[in-house]
Amino acid sequence: MSFDIMQVIVICALTGMTSLLAHGAMAVFHDGIRPILPEFVEGRMKRSEVASVAFGLSVGFVASVGISFTLSTGLLNPWLLFLPTDIIGVSSPRKWIAGVLGALWGFVVVVSLTTVNTVLTSLPVDFISALGELSGPVVSAFALFPILAIFLQFGKKKGIISAILVLFVRVLLVKFTTLFPESFQLMAGMILLLVFAIMHDHNNNEAVESEEDSIFDERTKRIRKNLPFLAIGGALIALAANLHYFAGSEVSIYLLKDAYATVDVTEATKLVNQAAIAEVIRGLSFIPLIATTALATGVYGVAGLTFVYAVGYLSPHWSIAIVFGAFVVVLEVLLLRQLGRFFQKFPSIRMASDNIRSSMNMVMELALLLGAMFAVIKMGGYTGFFIGAIVYLANEVLGKPIMKLAIGPVAAIIAGILLNILYLLNLFTPIA
């Protein structure tokens, strides 16, 4: 067994730091944990109670999204790294214990990933290569996020108009340029969504005044007090992303997998740029959620507003990624109060962000399911399709114990394992 010692050092430092952030109630990854941490800080909940809530909220995501995304791409992700350090951090009775156990988790993940990849790539049915099919539908689905959000918020008329305009953008780009069309489609859709939202607020004069300024100011001071630690976390996240160890979300992880695997520099650059653009759009959609919960609780996100991911992807050198990763988090925190006031003035933009998140989930669930079906057919023909479909349908009728975002990759992994077992029993012949 061999592994990259630099990867071990960086990931251990990262998970150790995020565990410390969670221990001190400075920042967590899971949005559902953030609102309960003030209860602990102000003495109304015990650490053990917070730990129990954190475990219950997070363990399903770790077991489904975190593991399946990493096995299918070879890249680490926040669900696999940061949800466990949320649990470790809030559970640990001492700072040093939180730091040590968090770093240990990073070590276990890196070493285990190397071992698991070695085993899986040596199997007679190479389902790891087949899992590359997951990325195709994901790439093409990006342009659908804002269009679906427009349908959800502004109805079918504006939705249909937006879909036609964005399709027209794609047709022109494919016909007359060699540019990556999905990035421009995504940008066009977002511009339309923002224009509709601002026009709606302007026409209806729906700006509102906040009655929570005093508590927001108090929480902002607490976040700013923790700024040095938050900046270190941002620097380490950008570093891990820049060194190709880590992808920040479902919208970038499969693009980055393809980018890091290709030998064509131009194509790799296009894919990385597409991943960064998608990550920025995703980050914009999450600003209202992260900013408002941070202002209300005094607890930030471990990745800030998540723009640090794109900084890591695009930085030309790891040292630049460190500096800009820290800088972006500092800038976000300094602007946090102004962001809160902005969203008070434009409630439709706040609602648009909610709709983007909903549309992202819907689109990614569909794209990953389609990609998973392509993958199981590639690895095992319609025997593979039968297995993958049974896993998906069983999950549906059993009440979705595996979340829909993860069921596609999970079904593909299970199909790959079962096909290898059938091969060993001389009941299946791999497709040439």
Protein backbone atom coordinates (compact mmCIF):
# COMPACT_ATOMS: atom_id res chain seq x y z
CA MET A 1 0.00 0.00 0.00
CA SER A 2 1.21 3.51 -0.82
CA PHE A 3 -0.26 6.95 -0.46
CA ASP A 4 0.72 10.55 -0.99
CA ILE A 5 2.34 11.83 2.23
CA MET A 6 1.50 15.40 1.23
CA GLN A 7 -2.14 14.42 0.95
CA VAL A 8 -2.04 12.87 4.42
CA ILE A 9 -0.52 16.03 5.92
CA VAL A 10 -2.93 18.44 4.21
CA ILE A 11 -6.08 16.43 4.91
CA CYS A 12 -5.11 15.73 8.53
CA ALA A 13 -4.46 19.44 9.08
CA LEU A 14 -7.80 20.26 7.43
CA THR A 15 -9.91 17.80 9.41
CA GLY A 16 -8.09 18.67 12.63
CA MET A 17 -8.89 22.35 12.09
CA THR A 18 -12.55 21.80 11.16
CA SER A 19 -12.96 19.63 14.26
CA LEU A 20 -11.53 22.46 16.39
CA LEU A 21 -13.91 24.94 14.75
CA ALA A 22 -16.86 22.71 15.61
CA HIS A 23 -15.61 22.16 19.17
CA GLY A 24 -15.49 25.89 19.81
CA ALA A 25 -18.88 26.45 18.13
CA MET A 26 -17.06 28.73 15.69
CA ALA A 27 -18.16 26.94 12.51
CA VAL A 28 -19.78 23.72 11.35
CA PHE A 29 -20.55 22.25 7.94
CA HIS A 30 -24.10 20.97 8.54
CA ASP A 31 -26.62 23.82 8.35
CA GLY A 32 -28.95 21.93 10.68
CA ILE A 33 -26.40 21.88 13.52
CA ARG A 34 -25.70 25.61 13.42
CA PRO A 35 -28.98 26.77 15.03
CA ILE A 36 -28.56 24.51 18.08
CA LEU A 37 -25.00 25.55 18.94
CA PRO A 38 -26.06 28.84 20.64
CA GLU A 39 -28.10 26.67 23.00
CA PHE A 40 -24.87 24.94 24.02
CA VAL A 41 -22.75 28.10 24.12
CA GLU A 42 -25.30 29.85 26.32
CA GLY A 43 -25.64 26.88 28.67
CA ARG A 44 -29.10 25.60 27.76
CA MET A 45 -27.86 22.30 26.27
CA LYS A 46 -25.16 19.86 27.31
CA ARG A 47 -22.35 18.87 24.95
CA SER A 48 -23.61 15.29 24.92
CA GLU A 49 -27.04 16.47 23.76
CA VAL A 50 -25.55 18.53 20.94
CA ALA A 51 -23.38 15.57 19.95
CA SER A 52 -26.41 13.31 19.75
CA VAL A 53 -28.22 15.76 17.46
CA ALA A 54 -25.12 16.20 15.28
CA PHE A 55 -24.72 12.45 14.89
CA GLY A 56 -28.37 11.92 13.98
CA LEU A 57 -28.35 14.71 11.40
CA SER A 58 -25.06 13.73 9.76
CA VAL A 59 -24.49 9.99 9.76
CA GLY A 60 -26.83 9.28 6.84
CA PHE A 61 -25.10 11.83 4.61
CA VAL A 62 -21.67 10.39 5.45
CA ALA A 63 -22.73 6.83 4.68
CA SER A 64 -24.50 7.71 1.43
CA VAL A 65 -23.35 10.89 -0.30
CA GLY A 66 -19.89 11.11 1.27
CA ILE A 67 -18.75 7.57 0.61
CA SER A 68 -20.45 7.04 -2.74
CA PHE A 69 -19.19 10.28 -4.28
CA THR A 70 -15.62 9.58 -3.19
CA LEU A 71 -15.64 5.97 -4.40
CA SER A 72 -17.03 7.03 -7.79
CA THR A 73 -14.58 9.91 -8.30
CA GLY A 74 -11.51 9.31 -6.13
CA LEU A 75 -11.95 12.83 -4.74
CA LEU A 76 -12.68 13.68 -1.12
CA ASN A 77 -15.76 15.77 -0.38
CA PRO A 78 -17.27 17.81 2.48
CA TRP A 79 -19.81 15.17 3.46
CA LEU A 80 -17.05 12.62 4.03
CA LEU A 81 -14.62 14.99 5.77
CA PHE A 82 -16.57 17.74 7.51
CA LEU A 83 -19.74 16.04 8.74
CA PRO A 84 -17.69 13.58 10.85
CA THR A 85 -15.54 16.44 12.17
CA ASP A 86 -18.75 18.27 13.12
CA ILE A 87 -19.62 15.22 15.23
CA ILE A 88 -16.08 14.79 16.59
CA GLY A 89 -15.73 18.46 17.41
CA VAL A 90 -18.98 18.95 19.29
CA SER A 91 -18.53 15.60 21.09
CA SER A 92 -14.96 16.16 22.33
CA PRO A 93 -14.59 17.39 25.93
CA ARG A 94 -11.27 19.17 25.25
CA LYS A 95 -9.79 21.20 22.40
CA TRP A 96 -6.74 18.98 22.00
CA ILE A 97 -8.91 15.87 21.86
CA ALA A 98 -11.04 17.46 19.12
CA GLY A 99 -7.94 18.39 17.12
CA VAL A 100 -6.27 14.99 17.47
CA LEU A 101 -9.39 12.95 16.69
CA GLY A 102 -10.24 15.22 13.76
CA ALA A 103 -6.75 14.77 12.30
CA LEU A 104 -7.01 11.02 12.89
CA TRP A 105 -10.22 10.93 10.89
CA GLY A 106 -8.44 12.59 7.97
CA PHE A 107 -5.65 10.00 8.18
CA VAL A 108 -8.11 7.10 8.20
CA VAL A 109 -9.98 8.48 5.17
CA VAL A 110 -6.86 9.01 3.05
CA VAL A 111 -5.32 5.63 3.86
CA SER A 112 -8.63 3.80 3.43
CA LEU A 113 -9.31 5.47 0.10
CA THR A 114 -5.96 4.34 -1.27
CA THR A 115 -6.58 0.77 -0.13
CA VAL A 116 -10.14 0.64 -1.43
CA ASN A 117 -9.16 2.04 -4.84
CA THR A 118 -6.35 -0.51 -5.16
CA VAL A 119 -8.76 -3.35 -4.43
CA LEU A 120 -11.58 -2.12 -6.65
CA THR A 121 -9.43 -1.41 -9.71
CA SER A 122 -8.05 -4.97 -9.60
CA LEU A 123 -11.50 -6.61 -9.85
CA PRO A 124 -12.44 -8.54 -13.03
CA VAL A 125 -15.46 -6.29 -13.63
CA ASP A 126 -13.91 -2.81 -13.67
CA PHE A 127 -16.81 -0.83 -12.30
CA ILE A 128 -14.61 2.06 -11.16
CA SER A 129 -13.99 3.02 -14.81
CA ALA A 130 -17.67 2.53 -15.59
CA LEU A 131 -18.57 4.98 -12.83
CA GLY A 132 -17.07 7.67 -15.05
CA GLU A 133 -20.42 7.60 -16.88
CA LEU A 134 -21.92 9.43 -13.90
CA SER A 135 -20.34 12.69 -14.96
CA GLY A 136 -21.91 13.04 -18.42
CA PRO A 137 -25.50 13.90 -17.42
CA VAL A 138 -24.22 16.01 -14.51
CA VAL A 139 -22.26 18.29 -16.85
CA SER A 140 -25.20 18.80 -19.18
CA ALA A 141 -27.66 19.37 -16.33
CA PHE A 142 -26.01 22.53 -14.95
CA ALA A 143 -27.91 24.88 -17.26
CA LEU A 144 -31.21 23.57 -15.89
CA PHE A 145 -30.75 24.94 -12.34
CA PRO A 146 -31.85 28.54 -12.91
CA ILE A 147 -34.51 27.61 -15.49
CA LEU A 148 -36.21 25.25 -13.06
CA ALA A 149 -35.93 27.92 -10.34
CA ILE A 150 -37.71 30.39 -12.64
CA PHE A 151 -40.51 27.86 -13.20
CA LEU A 152 -40.81 27.36 -9.44
CA GLN A 153 -40.87 31.05 -8.55
CA PHE A 154 -42.31 32.93 -11.51
CA GLY A 155 -44.52 30.39 -13.24
CA LYS A 156 -44.70 28.61 -16.56
CA LYS A 157 -44.74 31.66 -18.86
CA LYS A 158 -41.41 33.10 -17.68
CA GLY A 159 -40.08 29.56 -17.31
CA ILE A 160 -40.84 28.64 -20.92
CA ILE A 161 -39.44 31.95 -22.21
CA SER A 162 -36.25 31.39 -20.19
CA ALA A 163 -35.88 27.80 -21.41
CA ILE A 164 -36.19 28.93 -25.05
CA LEU A 165 -33.66 31.76 -24.59
CA VAL A 166 -31.12 29.52 -22.84
CA LEU A 167 -31.57 26.81 -25.49
CA PHE A 168 -30.97 29.47 -28.15
CA VAL A 169 -27.74 30.46 -26.37
CA ARG A 170 -26.59 26.84 -26.46
CA VAL A 171 -27.46 26.34 -30.13
CA LEU A 172 -25.53 29.47 -31.16
CA LEU A 173 -22.48 28.54 -29.09
CA VAL A 174 -22.35 24.97 -30.41
CA LYS A 175 -22.89 26.12 -33.99
CA PHE A 176 -20.47 29.04 -34.16
CA THR A 177 -17.87 28.61 -31.40
CA THR A 178 -15.76 26.01 -29.63
CA LEU A 179 -16.66 27.39 -26.20
CA PHE A 180 -18.02 25.19 -23.40
CA PRO A 181 -21.78 25.94 -23.77
CA GLU A 182 -22.94 24.84 -20.30
CA SER A 183 -21.10 27.68 -18.53
CA PHE A 184 -22.77 30.34 -20.67
CA GLN A 185 -26.16 28.67 -20.42
CA LEU A 186 -25.85 28.69 -16.64
CA MET A 187 -24.84 32.36 -16.65
CA ALA A 188 -27.72 33.32 -18.96
CA GLY A 189 -30.22 31.49 -16.79
CA MET A 190 -28.92 33.15 -13.62
CA ILE A 191 -29.11 36.61 -15.19
CA LEU A 192 -32.73 35.99 -16.18
CA LEU A 193 -33.59 34.75 -12.69
CA LEU A 194 -32.03 37.80 -11.00
CA VAL A 195 -33.72 40.20 -13.44
CA PHE A 196 -37.13 38.64 -12.75
CA ALA A 197 -36.53 38.77 -8.98
CA ILE A 198 -35.44 42.42 -8.92
CA MET A 199 -38.31 43.44 -11.21
CA HIS A 200 -40.78 41.64 -8.95
CA ASP A 201 -39.54 43.42 -5.82
CA HIS A 202 -39.42 46.76 -7.62
CA ASN A 203 -42.96 46.40 -8.95
CA ASN A 204 -44.40 45.20 -5.66
CA ASN A 205 -42.25 47.31 -3.30
CA GLU A 206 -41.65 44.27 -1.06
CA ALA A 207 -38.55 45.45 0.77
CA VAL A 208 -38.85 44.83 4.50
CA GLU A 209 -37.25 46.26 7.59
CA SER A 210 -35.56 43.98 10.09
CA GLU A 211 -36.34 44.00 13.79
CA GLU A 212 -33.32 41.87 14.64
CA ASP A 213 -30.45 44.33 14.14
CA SER A 214 -29.20 44.17 17.73
CA ILE A 215 -28.93 40.39 17.93
CA PHE A 216 -27.42 40.26 14.42
CA ASP A 217 -24.75 42.77 15.47
CA GLU A 218 -23.94 40.72 18.58
CA ARG A 219 -23.61 37.49 16.58
CA THR A 220 -21.49 39.25 13.94
CA LYS A 221 -19.01 40.33 16.63
CA ARG A 222 -18.68 36.72 17.78
CA ILE A 223 -17.93 35.53 14.23
CA ARG A 224 -15.37 38.30 13.72
CA LYS A 225 -13.66 37.33 16.98
CA ASN A 226 -13.12 33.85 15.52
CA LEU A 227 -11.88 35.20 12.18
CA PRO A 228 -8.23 33.99 12.47
CA PHE A 229 -9.39 30.39 12.94
CA LEU A 230 -11.97 30.66 10.17
CA ALA A 231 -9.32 32.06 7.81
CA ILE A 232 -6.99 29.12 8.53
CA GLY A 233 -9.84 26.74 7.72
CA GLY A 234 -10.50 28.55 4.44
CA ALA A 235 -6.80 28.44 3.53
CA LEU A 236 -6.61 24.68 4.14
CA ILE A 237 -9.77 23.99 2.12
CA ALA A 238 -8.44 26.00 -0.83
CA LEU A 239 -5.11 24.18 -0.54
CA ALA A 240 -6.75 20.73 -0.59
CA ALA A 241 -8.87 21.72 -3.60
CA ASN A 242 -5.87 23.14 -5.45
CA LEU A 243 -3.83 19.97 -4.94
CA HIS A 244 -6.64 17.91 -6.53
CA TYR A 245 -7.47 16.09 -3.29
CA PHE A 246 -10.88 17.61 -2.71
CA ALA A 247 -14.05 18.77 -4.47
CA GLY A 248 -16.49 21.07 -2.74
CA SER A 249 -19.89 19.86 -3.90
CA GLU A 250 -21.98 17.67 -6.15
CA VAL A 251 -21.91 20.28 -8.94
CA SER A 252 -18.13 20.17 -9.32
CA ILE A 253 -16.92 16.75 -8.22
CA TYR A 254 -17.60 14.86 -11.46
CA LEU A 255 -16.30 17.67 -13.65
CA LEU A 256 -13.09 17.73 -11.64
CA LYS A 257 -12.78 13.96 -11.86
CA ASP A 258 -12.83 14.22 -15.67
CA ALA A 259 -10.53 17.25 -15.65
CA TYR A 260 -7.86 15.57 -13.54
CA ALA A 261 -8.04 12.38 -15.61
CA THR A 262 -7.62 13.96 -19.06
CA VAL A 263 -4.23 14.54 -20.67
CA ASP A 264 -5.61 17.28 -22.93
CA VAL A 265 -4.63 20.50 -21.15
CA THR A 266 -7.16 22.64 -22.99
CA GLU A 267 -10.01 20.26 -22.20
CA ALA A 268 -8.89 19.97 -18.57
CA THR A 269 -8.86 23.77 -18.24
CA LYS A 270 -12.36 24.01 -19.69
CA LEU A 271 -13.65 21.41 -17.24
CA VAL A 272 -12.01 23.10 -14.24
CA ASN A 273 -13.41 26.48 -15.30
CA GLN A 274 -16.84 24.91 -15.68
CA ALA A 275 -16.54 23.39 -12.20
CA ALA A 276 -15.53 26.75 -10.74
CA ILE A 277 -18.42 28.58 -12.43
CA ALA A 278 -20.89 25.98 -11.23
CA GLU A 279 -19.44 26.23 -7.72
CA VAL A 280 -19.76 30.02 -7.72
CA ILE A 281 -23.40 29.80 -8.85
CA ARG A 282 -24.07 27.25 -6.14
CA GLY A 283 -22.32 29.51 -3.64
CA LEU A 284 -24.47 32.47 -4.66
CA SER A 285 -27.59 30.40 -4.10
CA PHE A 286 -26.46 29.44 -0.60
CA ILE A 287 -25.50 32.96 0.54
CA PRO A 288 -28.91 33.78 2.05
CA LEU A 289 -29.06 30.50 3.98
CA ILE A 290 -25.51 30.60 5.31
CA ALA A 291 -25.39 34.36 5.91
CA THR A 292 -28.72 34.63 7.70
CA THR A 293 -28.15 31.56 9.91
CA ALA A 294 -24.66 32.82 10.72
CA LEU A 295 -26.04 36.22 11.69
CA ALA A 296 -28.76 34.61 13.79
CA THR A 297 -26.50 32.12 15.58
CA GLY A 298 -22.95 33.52 15.58
CA VAL A 299 -21.75 30.22 14.06
CA TYR A 300 -20.20 30.32 10.57
CA GLY A 301 -19.78 27.61 7.92
CA VAL A 302 -16.45 25.77 7.83
CA ALA A 303 -16.17 26.70 4.14
CA GLY A 304 -17.66 30.14 4.66
CA LEU A 305 -20.01 31.02 1.81
CA THR A 306 -18.26 28.23 -0.20
CA PHE A 307 -16.50 30.51 -2.71
CA VAL A 308 -13.25 29.18 -1.28
CA TYR A 309 -13.83 26.02 -3.33
CA ALA A 310 -13.62 27.89 -6.64
CA VAL A 311 -10.55 29.77 -5.36
CA GLY A 312 -8.85 26.43 -4.81
CA TYR A 313 -9.74 25.09 -8.25
CA LEU A 314 -8.58 28.17 -10.13
CA SER A 315 -5.43 29.21 -8.24
CA PRO A 316 -2.30 28.69 -10.38
CA HIS A 317 -0.23 27.50 -7.40
CA TRP A 318 -0.92 26.01 -3.99
CA SER A 319 0.71 28.93 -2.20
CA ILE A 320 -1.66 31.36 -3.95
CA ALA A 321 -4.59 29.11 -3.03
CA ILE A 322 -3.64 29.37 0.66
CA VAL A 323 -3.45 33.17 0.60
CA PHE A 324 -6.63 33.71 -1.40
CA GLY A 325 -8.51 31.02 0.50
CA ALA A 326 -7.88 32.88 3.75
CA PHE A 327 -8.56 36.25 2.12
CA VAL A 328 -11.95 35.19 0.72
CA VAL A 329 -13.15 33.98 4.13
CA VAL A 330 -11.97 37.22 5.79
CA LEU A 331 -13.75 39.30 3.15
CA GLU A 332 -16.96 37.29 3.54
CA VAL A 333 -17.03 37.79 7.29
CA LEU A 334 -16.35 41.52 6.99
CA LEU A 335 -19.24 41.83 4.52
CA LEU A 336 -21.59 39.54 6.43
CA ARG A 337 -23.67 42.26 8.06
CA GLN A 338 -24.05 44.15 4.78
CA LEU A 339 -25.23 40.94 3.10
CA GLY A 340 -27.89 40.54 5.76
CA ARG A 341 -29.19 44.06 5.13
CA PHE A 342 -29.18 43.49 1.35
CA PHE A 343 -31.38 40.39 1.62
CA GLN A 344 -33.80 42.29 3.83
CA LYS A 345 -34.31 44.71 0.92
CA PHE A 346 -34.75 42.06 -1.79
CA PRO A 347 -36.90 39.20 -0.48
CA SER A 348 -37.39 37.79 -4.00
CA ILE A 349 -33.64 37.22 -4.35
CA ARG A 350 -33.69 35.41 -1.03
CA MET A 351 -36.57 33.28 -2.32
CA ALA A 352 -34.75 32.74 -5.63
CA SER A 353 -31.82 31.28 -3.70
CA ASP A 354 -34.15 28.83 -1.98
CA ASN A 355 -35.56 27.84 -5.36
CA ILE A 356 -32.09 27.38 -6.84
CA ARG A 357 -31.20 24.99 -4.02
CA SER A 358 -34.42 23.07 -4.60
CA SER A 359 -33.83 22.94 -8.35
CA MET A 360 -30.22 21.85 -7.84
CA ASN A 361 -31.38 18.90 -5.76
CA MET A 362 -34.03 17.92 -8.29
CA VAL A 363 -31.70 18.21 -11.28
CA MET A 364 -28.75 16.48 -9.59
CA GLU A 365 -30.95 13.61 -8.43
CA LEU A 366 -32.10 13.06 -12.02
CA ALA A 367 -28.63 13.52 -13.57
CA LEU A 368 -26.92 11.16 -11.14
CA LEU A 369 -29.64 8.54 -11.59
CA LEU A 370 -29.30 8.70 -15.39
CA GLY A 371 -25.51 8.57 -15.10
CA ALA A 372 -25.77 5.58 -12.78
CA MET A 373 -27.94 3.71 -15.29
CA PHE A 374 -25.40 4.44 -18.04
CA ALA A 375 -22.69 3.12 -15.73
CA VAL A 376 -24.42 -0.14 -14.79
CA ILE A 377 -25.19 -0.85 -18.45
CA LYS A 378 -21.55 -0.22 -19.36
CA MET A 379 -20.27 -2.56 -16.66
CA GLY A 380 -22.84 -5.33 -17.00
CA GLY A 381 -25.25 -4.74 -19.86
CA TYR A 382 -28.88 -5.20 -18.93
CA THR A 383 -27.92 -7.56 -16.11
CA GLY A 384 -26.22 -4.52 -14.58
CA PHE A 385 -29.26 -2.39 -15.38
CA PHE A 386 -31.53 -4.93 -13.64
CA ILE A 387 -29.44 -4.81 -10.46
CA GLY A 388 -29.14 -1.03 -10.46
CA ALA A 389 -32.85 -0.57 -11.11
CA ILE A 390 -33.81 -3.00 -8.33
CA VAL A 391 -31.62 -1.10 -5.85
CA TYR A 392 -33.20 2.22 -6.86
CA LEU A 393 -36.78 0.93 -6.80
CA ALA A 394 -36.28 -0.89 -3.48
CA ASN A 395 -35.02 2.37 -1.99
CA GLU A 396 -38.16 4.13 -3.24
CA VAL A 397 -40.67 1.64 -1.84
CA LEU A 398 -38.81 1.28 1.48
CA GLY A 399 -39.18 4.97 2.25
CA LYS A 400 -35.87 6.25 0.80
CA PRO A 401 -33.43 5.13 3.52
CA ILE A 402 -30.71 6.32 1.10
CA MET A 403 -31.28 9.94 0.07
CA LYS A 404 -32.19 10.48 -3.58
CA LEU A 405 -29.03 12.48 -4.30
CA ALA A 406 -26.92 9.44 -3.40
CA ILE A 407 -29.03 6.51 -4.57
CA GLY A 408 -27.72 6.62 -8.16
CA PRO A 409 -24.02 6.26 -7.25
CA VAL A 410 -24.88 3.79 -4.47
CA ALA A 411 -26.89 1.63 -6.90
CA ALA A 412 -24.01 1.66 -9.38
CA ILE A 413 -21.49 0.64 -6.71
CA ILE A 414 -23.75 -2.17 -5.46
CA ALA A 415 -24.26 -3.37 -9.04
CA GLY A 416 -20.50 -3.42 -9.59
CA ILE A 417 -19.90 -5.46 -6.44
CA LEU A 418 -22.66 -7.97 -7.25
CA LEU A 419 -21.45 -8.38 -10.85
CA ASN A 420 -18.01 -9.26 -9.52
CA ILE A 421 -19.51 -11.81 -7.16
CA LEU A 422 -21.48 -13.35 -10.04
CA TYR A 423 -18.25 -13.49 -12.07
CA LEU A 424 -16.47 -15.36 -9.26
CA LEU A 425 -19.37 -17.82 -9.20
CA ASN A 426 -18.94 -18.25 -12.98
CA LEU A 427 -22.43 -16.85 -13.55
CA PHE A 428 -21.46 -13.67 -15.39
CA THR A 429 -19.02 -12.82 -18.16
CA PRO A 430 -17.71 -9.22 -18.23
CA ILE A 431 -18.58 -7.17 -21.28
CA ALA A 432 -15.56 -6.68 -23.55
